[in-house]
Amino acid sequence: MSKNKSYILMGIKHSGKSTQGRMLATLLGCPLFDIDDVIQKNTGKSVRQYYTEAGPVAFLAAEEAVCGKIAQAYGDKQIVVSTGGGICDNAPALNYLRPLGEFVYLQVPEEVACDRILKKATQLSDGTWKGLPAYINKMKPRDEKHVREIFSEFYASRTEIYSTIADVVIQMNGESKDDNFKILQEKLHL
């Protein structure tokens, strides 16, 4: 393994990319770049707010620009990158990241991921939802069961895409972050 190999963590929302990314960067003693955090810093808006207000095309352009700058500045250094959940739909951004190192797909069980999404969401008295990802919210879910149905389709589609582009697939067991980090270290031979 090259001393400077970088790791690009990918996966669906709430799969642990940011948490595992911080832990991995600490272990390796290298910088961490959380793409969503960089976009938020650059725009002054949360990723959800920026996506909603600026639209998907502007968001993809912002994501691509961040990945391009990281690749240009750190192409010969070891880094850890935690991507946003939708980067699998942004081929230009992926093309910038591909030469840096391994694409690592953190696959969390569907139920665990959906539970994490619902934990941060609230259904308002008028039936609308606050705190759901845009791809679920735009389907105007009626209730929790409907949210889970929408997510299930999305999860199946994303799992297929991520499995195809990943160099390494790591099954996150949904237990503690430390248990998951041990799994990650084992799978990456660290």
Protein backbone atom coordinates (compact mmCIF):
# COMPACT_ATOMS: atom_id res chain seq x y z
CA MET A 1 0.00 0.00 0.00
CA SER A 2 1.29 3.42 -0.95
CA LYS A 3 2.15 5.64 1.98
CA ASN A 4 0.10 8.43 0.46
CA LYS A 5 -3.04 6.45 -0.40
CA SER A 6 -6.12 8.49 0.32
CA TYR A 7 -9.56 7.22 1.23
CA ILE A 8 -12.78 8.63 -0.18
CA LEU A 9 -15.73 7.60 1.99
CA MET A 10 -19.07 7.30 0.25
CA GLY A 11 -22.52 6.11 1.22
CA ILE A 12 -26.09 7.06 1.77
CA LYS A 13 -27.03 9.85 4.19
CA HIS A 14 -26.36 8.86 7.81
CA SER A 15 -24.06 5.97 6.92
CA GLY A 16 -21.31 7.33 9.17
CA LYS A 17 -19.07 8.97 6.56
CA SER A 18 -18.30 12.07 8.64
CA THR A 19 -17.81 10.20 11.91
CA GLN A 20 -15.71 7.42 10.39
CA GLY A 21 -13.83 9.98 8.31
CA ARG A 22 -12.78 11.93 11.42
CA MET A 23 -11.66 8.75 13.13
CA LEU A 24 -9.74 7.53 10.07
CA ALA A 25 -8.00 10.88 9.53
CA THR A 26 -6.96 10.90 13.20
CA LEU A 27 -5.59 7.35 12.93
CA LEU A 28 -3.65 8.18 9.75
CA GLY A 29 -2.55 11.62 10.97
CA CYS A 30 -3.76 13.29 7.80
CA PRO A 31 -6.26 16.00 6.85
CA LEU A 32 -9.98 15.30 6.56
CA PHE A 33 -12.21 17.04 4.04
CA ASP A 34 -15.94 16.72 4.60
CA ILE A 35 -17.38 17.89 1.28
CA ASP A 36 -20.70 18.99 2.80
CA ASP A 37 -18.88 21.03 5.45
CA VAL A 38 -16.74 22.74 2.81
CA ILE A 39 -19.83 23.57 0.71
CA GLN A 40 -21.51 25.00 3.81
CA LYS A 41 -18.44 27.09 4.60
CA ASN A 42 -18.24 28.35 1.00
CA THR A 43 -21.95 29.21 0.68
CA GLY A 44 -22.81 30.17 4.24
CA LYS A 45 -25.82 27.83 4.05
CA SER A 46 -26.48 24.28 5.16
CA VAL A 47 -26.22 21.77 2.33
CA ARG A 48 -29.98 21.14 2.49
CA GLN A 49 -30.73 24.88 2.38
CA TYR A 50 -28.28 25.51 -0.47
CA TYR A 51 -29.65 22.58 -2.50
CA THR A 52 -33.24 23.75 -1.94
CA GLU A 53 -32.58 27.41 -2.73
CA ALA A 54 -29.98 27.14 -5.50
CA GLY A 55 -31.26 23.93 -7.08
CA PRO A 56 -29.60 20.64 -7.99
CA VAL A 57 -27.51 21.99 -10.89
CA ALA A 58 -25.88 24.68 -8.73
CA PHE A 59 -25.35 22.19 -5.93
CA LEU A 60 -23.63 19.67 -8.23
CA ALA A 61 -21.43 22.48 -9.58
CA ALA A 62 -20.46 23.51 -6.03
CA GLU A 63 -19.69 19.89 -5.12
CA GLU A 64 -17.61 19.45 -8.28
CA ALA A 65 -15.68 22.68 -7.61
CA VAL A 66 -14.83 21.59 -4.05
CA CYS A 67 -13.65 18.16 -5.24
CA GLY A 68 -11.56 19.77 -7.98
CA LYS A 69 -9.83 22.12 -5.53
CA ILE A 70 -9.12 19.29 -3.08
CA ALA A 71 -7.71 17.07 -5.83
CA GLN A 72 -5.51 19.85 -7.16
CA ALA A 73 -4.16 20.86 -3.74
CA TYR A 74 -3.76 17.38 -2.22
CA GLY A 75 -3.22 15.04 -5.16
CA ASP A 76 0.16 13.90 -3.88
CA LYS A 77 -0.71 13.81 -0.16
CA GLN A 78 -2.66 11.37 1.96
CA ILE A 79 -6.10 12.66 2.92
CA VAL A 80 -9.50 11.36 3.93
CA VAL A 81 -12.56 12.70 2.12
CA SER A 82 -16.10 12.28 3.46
CA THR A 83 -18.45 12.84 0.55
CA GLY A 84 -22.08 13.87 0.52
CA GLY A 85 -24.68 11.16 0.11
CA GLY A 86 -25.45 12.10 -3.49
CA ILE A 87 -21.94 12.24 -4.91
CA CYS A 88 -22.61 9.02 -6.81
CA ASP A 89 -24.74 11.17 -9.16
CA ASN A 90 -21.92 13.64 -9.80
CA ALA A 91 -19.53 12.04 -12.31
CA PRO A 92 -17.30 15.14 -12.72
CA ALA A 93 -16.75 15.32 -8.93
CA LEU A 94 -15.97 11.60 -8.81
CA ASN A 95 -13.51 12.01 -11.68
CA TYR A 96 -11.57 14.56 -9.61
CA LEU A 97 -11.49 12.25 -6.59
CA ARG A 98 -10.77 8.94 -8.39
CA PRO A 99 -6.98 9.44 -8.80
CA LEU A 100 -6.52 10.26 -5.10
CA GLY A 101 -7.06 6.76 -3.73
CA GLU A 102 -9.69 4.19 -2.85
CA PHE A 103 -13.44 4.73 -3.02
CA VAL A 104 -14.80 3.19 0.18
CA TYR A 105 -18.55 2.53 0.35
CA LEU A 106 -19.89 2.47 3.90
CA GLN A 107 -23.02 0.38 3.57
CA VAL A 108 -25.35 0.70 6.50
CA PRO A 109 -28.47 -1.50 6.78
CA GLU A 110 -31.54 0.11 5.20
CA GLU A 111 -33.56 0.16 8.43
CA VAL A 112 -30.72 1.77 10.38
CA ALA A 113 -30.25 4.51 7.76
CA CYS A 114 -33.98 5.23 7.60
CA ASP A 115 -34.27 5.29 11.39
CA ARG A 116 -31.45 7.86 11.52
CA ILE A 117 -33.21 10.02 8.92
CA LEU A 118 -36.54 9.83 10.76
CA LYS A 119 -34.87 10.63 14.08
CA LYS A 120 -33.93 14.06 12.69
CA ALA A 121 -37.28 14.70 11.00
CA THR A 122 -40.60 15.98 12.31
CA GLN A 123 -44.04 15.80 10.77
CA LEU A 124 -45.80 19.11 11.26
CA SER A 125 -49.49 19.51 12.12
CA ASP A 126 -50.32 20.34 8.48
CA GLY A 127 -48.87 16.98 7.39
CA THR A 128 -45.67 18.37 5.86
CA TRP A 129 -42.26 17.27 7.06
CA LYS A 130 -39.32 19.23 8.38
CA GLY A 131 -35.81 17.78 8.30
CA LEU A 132 -36.24 15.11 5.62
CA PRO A 133 -33.75 14.87 2.76
CA ALA A 134 -34.96 16.72 -0.36
CA TYR A 135 -35.42 13.54 -2.40
CA ILE A 136 -37.91 12.24 0.18
CA ASN A 137 -39.59 15.58 0.91
CA LYS A 138 -40.33 16.26 -2.75
CA MET A 139 -42.45 13.07 -2.82
CA LYS A 140 -44.70 14.62 -0.14
CA PRO A 141 -44.80 11.61 2.20
CA ARG A 142 -48.06 11.16 4.09
CA ASP A 143 -46.66 9.39 7.12
CA GLU A 144 -43.68 7.45 8.45
CA LYS A 145 -44.65 4.33 6.50
CA HIS A 146 -44.65 6.36 3.28
CA VAL A 147 -41.24 7.86 4.16
CA ARG A 148 -39.88 4.32 4.59
CA GLU A 149 -41.34 3.22 1.23
CA ILE A 150 -39.77 6.17 -0.59
CA PHE A 151 -36.47 5.59 1.17
CA SER A 152 -36.49 1.87 0.37
CA GLU A 153 -36.60 2.51 -3.38
CA PHE A 154 -33.91 5.15 -3.10
CA TYR A 155 -31.75 2.90 -0.92
CA ALA A 156 -31.90 0.03 -3.42
CA SER A 157 -30.92 2.31 -6.30
CA ARG A 158 -28.06 3.97 -4.41
CA THR A 159 -26.75 0.65 -3.08
CA GLU A 160 -26.41 -0.61 -6.64
CA ILE A 161 -24.61 2.55 -7.80
CA TYR A 162 -22.23 2.71 -4.84
CA SER A 163 -21.42 -0.99 -5.05
CA THR A 164 -20.49 -0.52 -8.71
CA ILE A 165 -18.11 2.43 -8.23
CA ALA A 166 -16.56 1.42 -4.89
CA ASP A 167 -13.13 -0.17 -4.59
CA VAL A 168 -14.05 -1.45 -1.13
CA VAL A 169 -17.49 -2.13 0.34
CA ILE A 170 -17.68 -2.11 4.13
CA GLN A 171 -20.79 -3.39 5.86
CA MET A 172 -21.42 -1.07 8.79
CA ASN A 173 -23.28 -3.12 11.37
CA GLY A 174 -25.22 -0.24 12.89
CA GLU A 175 -23.60 -0.74 16.28
CA SER A 176 -21.35 1.82 17.96
CA LYS A 177 -19.05 4.10 15.98
CA ASP A 178 -16.07 2.39 17.63
CA ASP A 179 -17.28 -1.06 16.55
CA ASN A 180 -17.80 0.23 13.04
CA PHE A 181 -14.34 1.79 13.04
CA LYS A 182 -12.80 -1.57 13.93
CA ILE A 183 -14.63 -3.09 10.94
CA LEU A 184 -13.34 -0.27 8.72
CA GLN A 185 -9.75 -0.70 9.92
CA GLU A 186 -9.91 -4.45 9.36
CA LYS A 187 -11.34 -4.12 5.86
CA LEU A 188 -8.75 -1.46 4.90
CA HIS A 189 -5.92 -3.47 6.50
CA LEU A 190 -4.91 -0.61 8.81
